[in-house]
Amino acid sequence: MAAKIEWTAADYAAKNAMAKIIDASALAYRVIAERMGGVVSHVRIGYIHNGEKSPVRLSEFLLICEVCNADPVQTLREIITEARRMELEQQTASTKKPAGERFGL
């Protein structure tokens, strides 16, 4: 059995961006998969949209952007910004914990 993949803030931000792009396209998973030339299955499109299994790969990201008429450069900028925000939020939350929790005491 494969090892469980640990998702990063960038992975979660990419998942959210992909879901937004797919939703905005109003295309069904099967239609997106067909327009991608069958390179990615409609099931995998669903996994990407719902944040299941593994994070989106770069090749999948680029194809989804192309099929759904989203600018991959602008989308990547938004993902980076959101990932940084999420990381900062996580750091802030961890520093608000009592010292014993922060340092494993």
Protein backbone atom coordinates (compact mmCIF):
# COMPACT_ATOMS: atom_id res chain seq x y z
CA MET A 1 0.00 0.00 0.00
CA ALA A 2 1.27 3.45 -0.88
CA ALA A 3 2.27 5.88 1.83
CA LYS A 4 -0.24 8.55 2.75
CA ILE A 5 0.62 11.89 1.18
CA GLU A 6 0.96 14.84 3.54
CA TRP A 7 -0.77 17.84 2.01
CA THR A 8 0.87 21.26 2.29
CA ALA A 9 -0.75 24.68 2.41
CA ALA A 10 0.04 25.01 -1.30
CA ASP A 11 -1.79 21.73 -1.99
CA TYR A 12 -4.90 22.93 -0.14
CA ALA A 13 -4.76 26.32 -1.88
CA ALA A 14 -4.43 24.57 -5.26
CA LYS A 15 -7.37 22.30 -4.44
CA ASN A 16 -9.52 25.33 -3.63
CA ALA A 17 -8.43 27.11 -6.81
CA MET A 18 -9.13 24.06 -8.96
CA ALA A 19 -12.58 23.63 -7.42
CA LYS A 20 -13.37 27.27 -8.14
CA ILE A 21 -12.18 26.97 -11.75
CA ILE A 22 -14.11 23.75 -12.35
CA ASP A 23 -17.27 25.20 -10.77
CA ALA A 24 -16.98 28.43 -12.78
CA SER A 25 -16.65 26.46 -16.03
CA ALA A 26 -20.03 24.80 -15.40
CA LEU A 27 -18.63 21.73 -17.17
CA ALA A 28 -19.23 18.19 -15.96
CA TYR A 29 -16.22 16.11 -14.96
CA ARG A 30 -16.74 13.87 -18.00
CA VAL A 31 -16.80 16.85 -20.36
CA ILE A 32 -13.59 18.23 -18.86
CA ALA A 33 -11.94 14.81 -19.17
CA GLU A 34 -13.06 14.47 -22.80
CA ARG A 35 -11.74 17.93 -23.65
CA MET A 36 -8.43 16.93 -22.05
CA GLY A 37 -8.23 14.14 -24.60
CA GLY A 38 -8.76 11.46 -22.00
CA VAL A 39 -5.35 12.17 -20.44
CA VAL A 40 -7.04 12.56 -17.05
CA SER A 41 -10.14 10.53 -16.17
CA HIS A 42 -13.40 12.10 -15.08
CA VAL A 43 -12.98 10.28 -11.76
CA ARG A 44 -9.61 11.98 -11.20
CA ILE A 45 -11.20 15.35 -12.07
CA GLY A 46 -13.68 14.68 -9.27
CA TYR A 47 -10.88 13.78 -6.88
CA ILE A 48 -9.07 17.01 -7.73
CA HIS A 49 -12.25 19.05 -7.29
CA ASN A 50 -13.08 17.46 -3.95
CA GLY A 51 -9.54 17.27 -2.57
CA GLU A 52 -9.48 13.50 -2.41
CA LYS A 53 -6.51 11.17 -2.86
CA SER A 54 -3.39 13.08 -3.94
CA PRO A 55 -2.93 16.80 -4.70
CA VAL A 56 -3.24 18.07 -8.25
CA ARG A 57 -0.17 17.50 -10.44
CA LEU A 58 1.26 20.30 -12.55
CA SER A 59 0.21 18.61 -15.80
CA GLU A 60 -3.36 18.24 -14.50
CA PHE A 61 -3.37 21.85 -13.28
CA LEU A 62 -2.31 23.16 -16.69
CA LEU A 63 -4.84 21.06 -18.60
CA ILE A 64 -7.71 22.01 -16.30
CA CYS A 65 -6.82 25.68 -16.66
CA GLU A 66 -6.73 25.31 -20.45
CA VAL A 67 -10.03 23.43 -20.73
CA CYS A 68 -11.81 25.69 -18.24
CA ASN A 69 -10.42 28.92 -19.76
CA ALA A 70 -8.51 29.98 -16.65
CA ASP A 71 -5.19 31.80 -16.76
CA PRO A 72 -2.66 29.38 -15.21
CA VAL A 73 -0.19 32.15 -14.33
CA GLN A 74 -2.78 34.24 -12.51
CA THR A 75 -4.19 31.13 -10.85
CA LEU A 76 -0.73 30.12 -9.65
CA ARG A 77 -0.19 33.60 -8.21
CA GLU A 78 -3.47 33.28 -6.32
CA ILE A 79 -2.46 29.83 -5.05
CA ILE A 80 0.87 31.15 -3.78
CA THR A 81 -0.80 34.09 -2.05
CA GLU A 82 -3.41 31.85 -0.44
CA ALA A 83 -0.82 29.27 0.64
CA ARG A 84 1.23 31.98 2.32
CA ARG A 85 -1.88 33.27 4.09
CA MET A 86 -2.72 29.75 5.27
CA GLU A 87 0.82 29.17 6.53
CA LEU A 88 0.81 32.48 8.40
CA GLU A 89 -2.56 31.66 9.91
CA GLN A 90 -1.24 28.26 11.02
CA GLN A 91 1.87 29.84 12.56
CA THR A 92 -0.23 32.43 14.36
CA ALA A 93 -2.57 29.75 15.70
CA SER A 94 0.33 27.66 16.99
CA THR A 95 1.88 30.60 18.85
CA LYS A 96 -1.42 31.24 20.64
CA LYS A 97 -1.27 27.80 22.25
CA PRO A 98 -0.02 27.52 25.84
CA ALA A 99 3.74 27.00 26.03
CA GLY A 100 3.31 23.38 27.13
CA GLU A 101 1.38 22.55 23.96
CA ARG A 102 3.75 24.47 21.67
CA PHE A 103 6.81 22.71 22.99
CA GLY A 104 5.31 19.29 23.59
CA LEU A 105 5.49 19.53 27.37
